[in-house]
C-alpha atoms as a PDB file:
ATOM      1  CA  MET A   1     176.685-144.537  68.208  1.00  0.00           C
ATOM      2  CA  THR A   2     177.511-141.565  70.396  1.00  0.00           C
ATOM      3  CA  LYS A   3     180.678-141.124  72.431  1.00  0.00           C
ATOM      4  CA  GLU A   4     178.733-141.880  75.624  1.00  0.00           C
ATOM      5  CA  GLU A   5     177.357-145.084  74.105  1.00  0.00           C
ATOM      6  CA  THR A   6     180.854-145.993  72.936  1.00  0.00           C
ATOM      7  CA  ILE A   7     182.133-145.692  76.493  1.00  0.00           C
ATOM      8  CA  LYS A   8     179.429-148.142  77.623  1.00  0.00           C
ATOM      9  CA  VAL A   9     180.327-150.623  74.867  1.00  0.00           C
ATOM     10  CA  LEU A  10     184.021-150.424  75.728  1.00  0.00           C
ATOM     11  CA  ALA A  11     183.217-150.878  79.422  1.00  0.00           C
ATOM     12  CA  ILE A  12     181.541-154.175  78.527  1.00  0.00           C
ATOM     13  CA  LEU A  13     184.594-155.218  76.530  1.00  0.00           C
ATOM     14  CA  LYS A  14     186.810-154.275  79.473  1.00  0.00           C
ATOM     15  CA  ALA A  15     184.661-156.374  81.816  1.00  0.00           C
ATOM     16  CA  ALA A  16     184.735-159.325  79.416  1.00  0.00           C
ATOM     17  CA  TYR A  17     188.462-159.064  78.672  1.00  0.00           C
ATOM     18  CA  PRO A  18     190.022-157.400  81.756  1.00  0.00           C
ATOM     19  CA  ASN A  19     193.593-158.432  80.982  1.00  0.00           C
ATOM     20  CA  SER A  20     193.504-156.713  77.604  1.00  0.00           C
ATOM     21  CA  TYR A  21     192.720-153.320  79.104  1.00  0.00           C
ATOM     22  CA  LYS A  22     194.365-153.414  82.535  1.00  0.00           C
ATOM     23  CA  ASN A  23     197.522-151.448  81.615  1.00  0.00           C
ATOM     24  CA  MET A  24     195.753-148.817  79.513  1.00  0.00           C
ATOM     25  CA  ASN A  25     196.413-145.253  80.620  1.00  0.00           C
ATOM     26  CA  LYS A  26     193.925-142.378  80.378  1.00  0.00           C
ATOM     27  CA  GLU A  27     195.348-141.064  77.096  1.00  0.00           C
ATOM     28  CA  GLU A  28     195.122-144.506  75.473  1.00  0.00           C
ATOM     29  CA  ALA A  29     191.586-144.966  76.803  1.00  0.00           C
ATOM     30  CA  ASN A  30     190.498-141.621  75.357  1.00  0.00           C
ATOM     31  CA  ALA A  31     192.072-142.487  72.005  1.00  0.00           C
ATOM     32  CA  THR A  32     190.309-145.850  71.995  1.00  0.00           C
ATOM     33  CA  VAL A  33     186.958-144.215  72.715  1.00  0.00           C
ATOM     34  CA  THR A  34     187.522-141.685  69.940  1.00  0.00           C
ATOM     35  CA  VAL A  35     188.458-144.298  67.335  1.00  0.00           C
ATOM     36  CA  TRP A  36     185.527-146.552  68.196  1.00  0.00           C
ATOM     37  CA  ALA A  37     183.082-143.614  68.275  1.00  0.00           C
ATOM     38  CA  VAL A  38     184.200-142.467  64.827  1.00  0.00           C
ATOM     39  CA  GLN A  39     184.121-145.969  63.357  1.00  0.00           C
ATOM     40  CA  PHE A  40     180.609-146.675  64.653  1.00  0.00           C
ATOM     41  CA  ALA A  41     179.133-143.168  64.417  1.00  0.00           C
ATOM     42  CA  ASP A  42     176.582-144.240  61.804  1.00  0.00           C
ATOM     43  CA  ILE A  43     175.480-147.432  63.554  1.00  0.00           C
ATOM     44  CA  PRO A  44     172.898-147.575  66.359  1.00  0.00           C
ATOM     45  CA  ALA A  45     174.432-148.545  69.700  1.00  0.00           C
ATOM     46  CA  GLU A  46     171.922-151.371  70.092  1.00  0.00           C
ATOM     47  CA  VAL A  47     173.214-153.010  66.906  1.00  0.00           C
ATOM     48  CA  VAL A  48     176.852-152.643  67.988  1.00  0.00           C
ATOM     49  CA  MET A  49     175.982-154.067  71.404  1.00  0.00           C
ATOM     50  CA  ILE A  50     174.354-157.145  69.886  1.00  0.00           C
ATOM     51  CA  ALA A  51     177.404-157.760  67.696  1.00  0.00           C
ATOM     52  CA  ILE A  52     179.766-157.262  70.656  1.00  0.00           C
ATOM     53  CA  ASN A  53     177.825-159.680  72.847  1.00  0.00           C
ATOM     54  CA  LYS A  54     177.807-162.325  70.117  1.00  0.00           C
ATOM     55  CA  LEU A  55     181.579-161.936  69.704  1.00  0.00           C
ATOM     56  CA  ILE A  56     182.191-162.094  73.455  1.00  0.00           C
ATOM     57  CA  ALA A  57     180.282-165.374  73.558  1.00  0.00           C
ATOM     58  CA  THR A  58     182.603-166.998  71.018  1.00  0.00           C
ATOM     59  CA  SER A  59     186.035-165.375  71.338  1.00  0.00           C
ATOM     60  CA  THR A  60     188.741-165.483  73.975  1.00  0.00           C
ATOM     61  CA  PHE A  61     190.248-162.233  72.654  1.00  0.00           C
ATOM     62  CA  PRO A  62     188.647-158.784  72.394  1.00  0.00           C
ATOM     63  CA  PRO A  63     187.306-158.075  68.915  1.00  0.00           C
ATOM     64  CA  ALA A  64     188.879-155.617  66.529  1.00  0.00           C
ATOM     65  CA  ILE A  65     186.687-152.948  64.969  1.00  0.00           C
ATOM     66  CA  SER A  66     186.728-154.858  61.687  1.00  0.00           C
ATOM     67  CA  GLU A  67     185.430-157.997  63.427  1.00  0.00           C
ATOM     68  CA  VAL A  68     182.559-156.060  64.974  1.00  0.00           C
ATOM     69  CA  LYS A  69     181.657-154.567  61.591  1.00  0.00           C
ATOM     70  CA  GLU A  70     181.737-158.003  59.970  1.00  0.00           C
ATOM     71  CA  ARG A  71     179.506-159.361  62.742  1.00  0.00           C
ATOM     72  CA  ILE A  72     177.058-156.498  62.164  1.00  0.00           C
ATOM     73  CA  GLN A  73     176.875-157.432  58.489  1.00  0.00           C
ATOM     74  CA  ASN A  74     176.088-161.032  59.464  1.00  0.00           C
ATOM     75  CA  LEU A  75     173.340-159.860  61.822  1.00  0.00           C
ATOM     76  CA  TYR A  76     171.256-158.928  58.796  1.00  0.00           C
ATOM     77  CA  TRP A  77     170.930-162.567  57.742  1.00  0.00           C
ATOM     78  CA  GLU A  78     170.319-163.785  61.295  1.00  0.00           C
ATOM     79  CA  ILE A  79     167.542-161.258  61.886  1.00  0.00           C
ATOM     80  CA  LEU A  80     166.004-161.939  58.489  1.00  0.00           C
ATOM     81  CA  GLY A  81     166.025-165.672  59.300  1.00  0.00           C
ATOM     82  CA  VAL A  82     164.210-165.065  62.593  1.00  0.00           C
ATOM     83  CA  LEU A  83     161.559-162.971  60.837  1.00  0.00           C
ATOM     84  CA  ILE A  84     161.040-165.535  58.064  1.00  0.00           C
ATOM     85  CA  GLU A  85     160.754-168.315  60.640  1.00  0.00           C
ATOM     86  CA  ASN A  86     158.257-166.208  62.558  1.00  0.00           C
ATOM     87  CA  GLU A  87     156.131-165.761  59.439  1.00  0.00           C
ATOM     88  CA  GLN A  88     155.993-169.539  59.107  1.00  0.00           C
ATOM     89  CA  PHE A  89     155.562-170.547  62.734  1.00  0.00           C
ATOM     90  CA  LYS A  90     154.406-167.367  64.543  1.00  0.00           C
ATOM     91  CA  LYS A  91     156.925-167.739  67.367  1.00  0.00           C
ATOM     92  CA  LEU A  92     157.255-164.012  68.123  1.00  0.00           C
ATOM     93  CA  THR A  93     154.875-161.615  69.788  1.00  0.00           C
ATOM     94  CA  ASP A  94     153.981-158.475  67.856  1.00  0.00           C
ATOM     95  CA  GLU A  95     156.319-156.492  70.114  1.00  0.00           C
ATOM     96  CA  GLN A  96     159.220-158.892  69.499  1.00  0.00           C
ATOM     97  CA  GLU A  97     158.610-158.815  65.759  1.00  0.00           C
ATOM     98  CA  MET A  98     158.637-154.998  65.767  1.00  0.00           C
ATOM     99  CA  LYS A  99     161.951-155.028  67.647  1.00  0.00           C
ATOM    100  CA  TYR A 100     163.489-157.423  65.117  1.00  0.00           C
ATOM    101  CA  ARG A 101     162.196-155.344  62.202  1.00  0.00           C
ATOM    102  CA  LYS A 102     163.667-152.198  63.755  1.00  0.00           C
ATOM    103  CA  LEU A 103     167.026-153.946  64.121  1.00  0.00           C
ATOM    104  CA  LEU A 104     166.801-155.258  60.557  1.00  0.00           C
ATOM    105  CA  ASP A 105     166.169-151.722  59.296  1.00  0.00           C
ATOM    106  CA  ALA A 106     169.162-150.402  61.250  1.00  0.00           C
ATOM    107  CA  VAL A 107     171.484-153.102  59.953  1.00  0.00           C
ATOM    108  CA  GLU A 108     170.129-152.720  56.412  1.00  0.00           C
ATOM    109  CA  SER A 109     170.775-148.983  56.595  1.00  0.00           C
ATOM    110  CA  TYR A 110     174.388-149.685  57.583  1.00  0.00           C
ATOM    111  CA  ARG A 111     174.764-152.280  54.820  1.00  0.00           C
ATOM    112  CA  SER A 112     173.299-149.988  52.147  1.00  0.00           C
ATOM    113  CA  GLN A 113     175.622-147.146  53.146  1.00  0.00           C
ATOM    114  CA  ARG A 114     178.499-149.478  52.398  1.00  0.00           C
ATOM    115  CA  LYS A 115     176.872-150.969  49.291  1.00  0.00           C
ATOM    116  CA  ILE A 116     177.339-154.485  50.604  1.00  0.00           C
ATOM    117  CA  GLU A 117     175.983-157.045  48.208  1.00  0.00           C
ATOM    118  CA  PRO A 118     174.625-160.350  49.477  1.00  0.00           C
ATOM    119  CA  SER A 119     177.028-163.216  49.029  1.00  0.00           C
ATOM    120  CA  ILE A 120     175.686-166.324  47.367  1.00  0.00           C
END
Protein backbone atom coordinates (compact mmCIF):
# COMPACT_ATOMS: atom_id res chain seq x y z
CA MET A 1 0.00 0.00 0.00
CA THR A 2 1.39 3.38 -0.96
CA LYS A 3 1.43 6.47 1.23
CA GLU A 4 -1.40 7.97 -0.84
CA GLU A 5 -3.48 4.82 -0.40
CA THR A 6 -2.70 4.86 3.31
CA ILE A 7 -4.08 8.38 3.58
CA LYS A 8 -7.33 7.18 1.98
CA VAL A 9 -7.59 4.22 4.38
CA LEU A 10 -6.98 6.46 7.39
CA ALA A 11 -9.56 8.95 6.10
CA ILE A 12 -12.12 6.15 6.18
CA LEU A 13 -11.11 5.28 9.73
CA LYS A 14 -11.40 8.95 10.68
CA ALA A 15 -14.90 9.10 9.17
CA ALA A 16 -15.93 5.91 10.97
CA TYR A 17 -14.39 6.89 14.31
CA PRO A 18 -14.35 10.72 14.36
CA ASN A 19 -13.86 11.05 18.11
CA SER A 20 -10.66 9.02 18.01
CA TYR A 21 -8.96 11.39 15.59
CA LYS A 22 -10.50 14.78 16.37
CA ASN A 23 -7.63 16.12 18.54
CA MET A 24 -4.82 14.85 16.31
CA ASN A 25 -2.41 17.54 15.17
CA LYS A 26 -0.60 17.60 11.82
CA GLU A 27 2.60 16.06 13.21
CA GLU A 28 0.67 13.18 14.79
CA ALA A 29 -1.31 12.66 11.58
CA ASN A 30 1.89 12.50 9.52
CA ALA A 31 3.42 10.03 11.97
CA THR A 32 0.29 7.88 11.81
CA VAL A 33 0.37 7.85 8.02
CA THR A 34 4.05 6.90 8.04
CA VAL A 35 3.61 4.03 10.50
CA TRP A 36 0.60 2.61 8.67
CA ALA A 37 2.30 2.97 5.26
CA VAL A 38 5.38 1.10 6.48
CA GLN A 39 3.36 -1.63 8.18
CA PHE A 40 1.21 -2.26 5.10
CA ALA A 41 3.77 -1.53 2.38
CA ASP A 42 3.70 -5.11 1.11
CA ILE A 43 -0.08 -5.50 1.11
CA PRO A 44 -2.37 -4.30 -1.70
CA ALA A 45 -4.58 -1.40 -0.63
CA GLU A 46 -7.69 -3.29 -1.75
CA VAL A 47 -6.94 -6.07 0.74
CA VAL A 48 -6.32 -3.60 3.58
CA MET A 49 -9.54 -1.78 2.69
CA ILE A 50 -11.59 -4.98 2.85
CA ALA A 51 -10.12 -5.82 6.26
CA ILE A 52 -10.75 -2.27 7.53
CA ASN A 53 -14.36 -2.30 6.37
CA LYS A 54 -15.00 -5.66 8.02
CA LEU A 55 -13.52 -4.34 11.28
CA ILE A 56 -15.53 -1.12 11.11
CA ALA A 57 -18.69 -3.20 10.77
CA THR A 58 -18.03 -5.05 14.03
CA SER A 59 -16.05 -2.74 16.32
CA THR A 60 -16.89 0.42 18.21
CA PHE A 61 -13.20 1.34 18.46
CA PRO A 62 -10.69 1.98 15.66
CA PRO A 63 -8.57 -1.07 14.90
CA ALA A 64 -4.90 -1.33 15.76
CA ILE A 65 -2.47 -2.31 13.03
CA SER A 66 -2.19 -5.78 14.55
CA GLU A 67 -5.98 -6.23 14.35
CA VAL A 68 -5.99 -5.27 10.68
CA LYS A 69 -3.18 -7.73 9.96
CA GLU A 70 -5.02 -10.50 11.80
CA ARG A 71 -8.18 -9.71 9.82
CA ILE A 72 -6.18 -9.91 6.58
CA GLN A 73 -4.97 -13.37 7.57
CA ASN A 74 -8.58 -14.44 8.18
CA LEU A 75 -9.62 -13.10 4.76
CA TYR A 76 -7.74 -15.97 3.16
CA TRP A 77 -10.16 -18.53 4.61
CA GLU A 78 -13.23 -16.40 3.84
CA ILE A 79 -12.22 -15.93 0.21
CA LEU A 80 -11.30 -19.59 -0.16
CA GLY A 81 -14.72 -20.53 1.25
CA VAL A 82 -16.48 -18.31 -1.30
CA LEU A 83 -14.51 -19.88 -4.15
CA ILE A 84 -15.18 -23.44 -2.97
CA GLU A 85 -18.88 -22.65 -2.59
CA ASN A 86 -18.87 -21.17 -6.08
CA GLU A 87 -17.34 -24.35 -7.50
CA GLN A 88 -20.22 -26.30 -5.97
CA PHE A 89 -23.11 -23.96 -6.69
CA LYS A 90 -21.84 -21.57 -9.41
CA LYS A 91 -23.05 -18.45 -7.62
CA LEU A 92 -20.39 -16.10 -9.04
CA THR A 93 -19.98 -14.65 -12.49
CA ASP A 94 -16.64 -15.22 -14.19
CA GLU A 95 -15.69 -11.62 -13.42
CA GLN A 96 -16.55 -12.01 -9.72
CA GLU A 97 -14.61 -15.25 -9.52
CA MET A 98 -11.55 -13.59 -11.09
CA LYS A 99 -11.77 -10.77 -8.54
CA TYR A 100 -11.92 -13.25 -5.65
CA ARG A 101 -8.99 -15.23 -7.06
CA LYS A 102 -6.96 -12.04 -7.39
CA LEU A 103 -7.72 -11.17 -3.77
CA LEU A 104 -6.88 -14.72 -2.68
CA ASP A 105 -3.52 -14.47 -4.45
CA ALA A 106 -2.78 -11.14 -2.76
CA VAL A 107 -3.65 -12.44 0.69
CA GLU A 108 -1.76 -15.68 0.07
CA SER A 109 1.30 -13.67 -0.96
CA TYR A 110 1.10 -11.75 2.32
CA ARG A 111 0.62 -14.96 4.31
CA SER A 112 3.55 -16.72 2.61
CA GLN A 113 5.86 -13.77 3.28
CA ARG A 114 5.12 -14.25 6.95
CA LYS A 115 5.21 -18.06 6.78
CA ILE A 116 1.80 -18.32 8.39
CA GLU A 117 0.72 -21.90 8.75
CA PRO A 118 -2.96 -22.83 8.67
CA SER A 119 -4.41 -23.48 12.08
CA ILE A 120 -6.32 -26.70 12.54
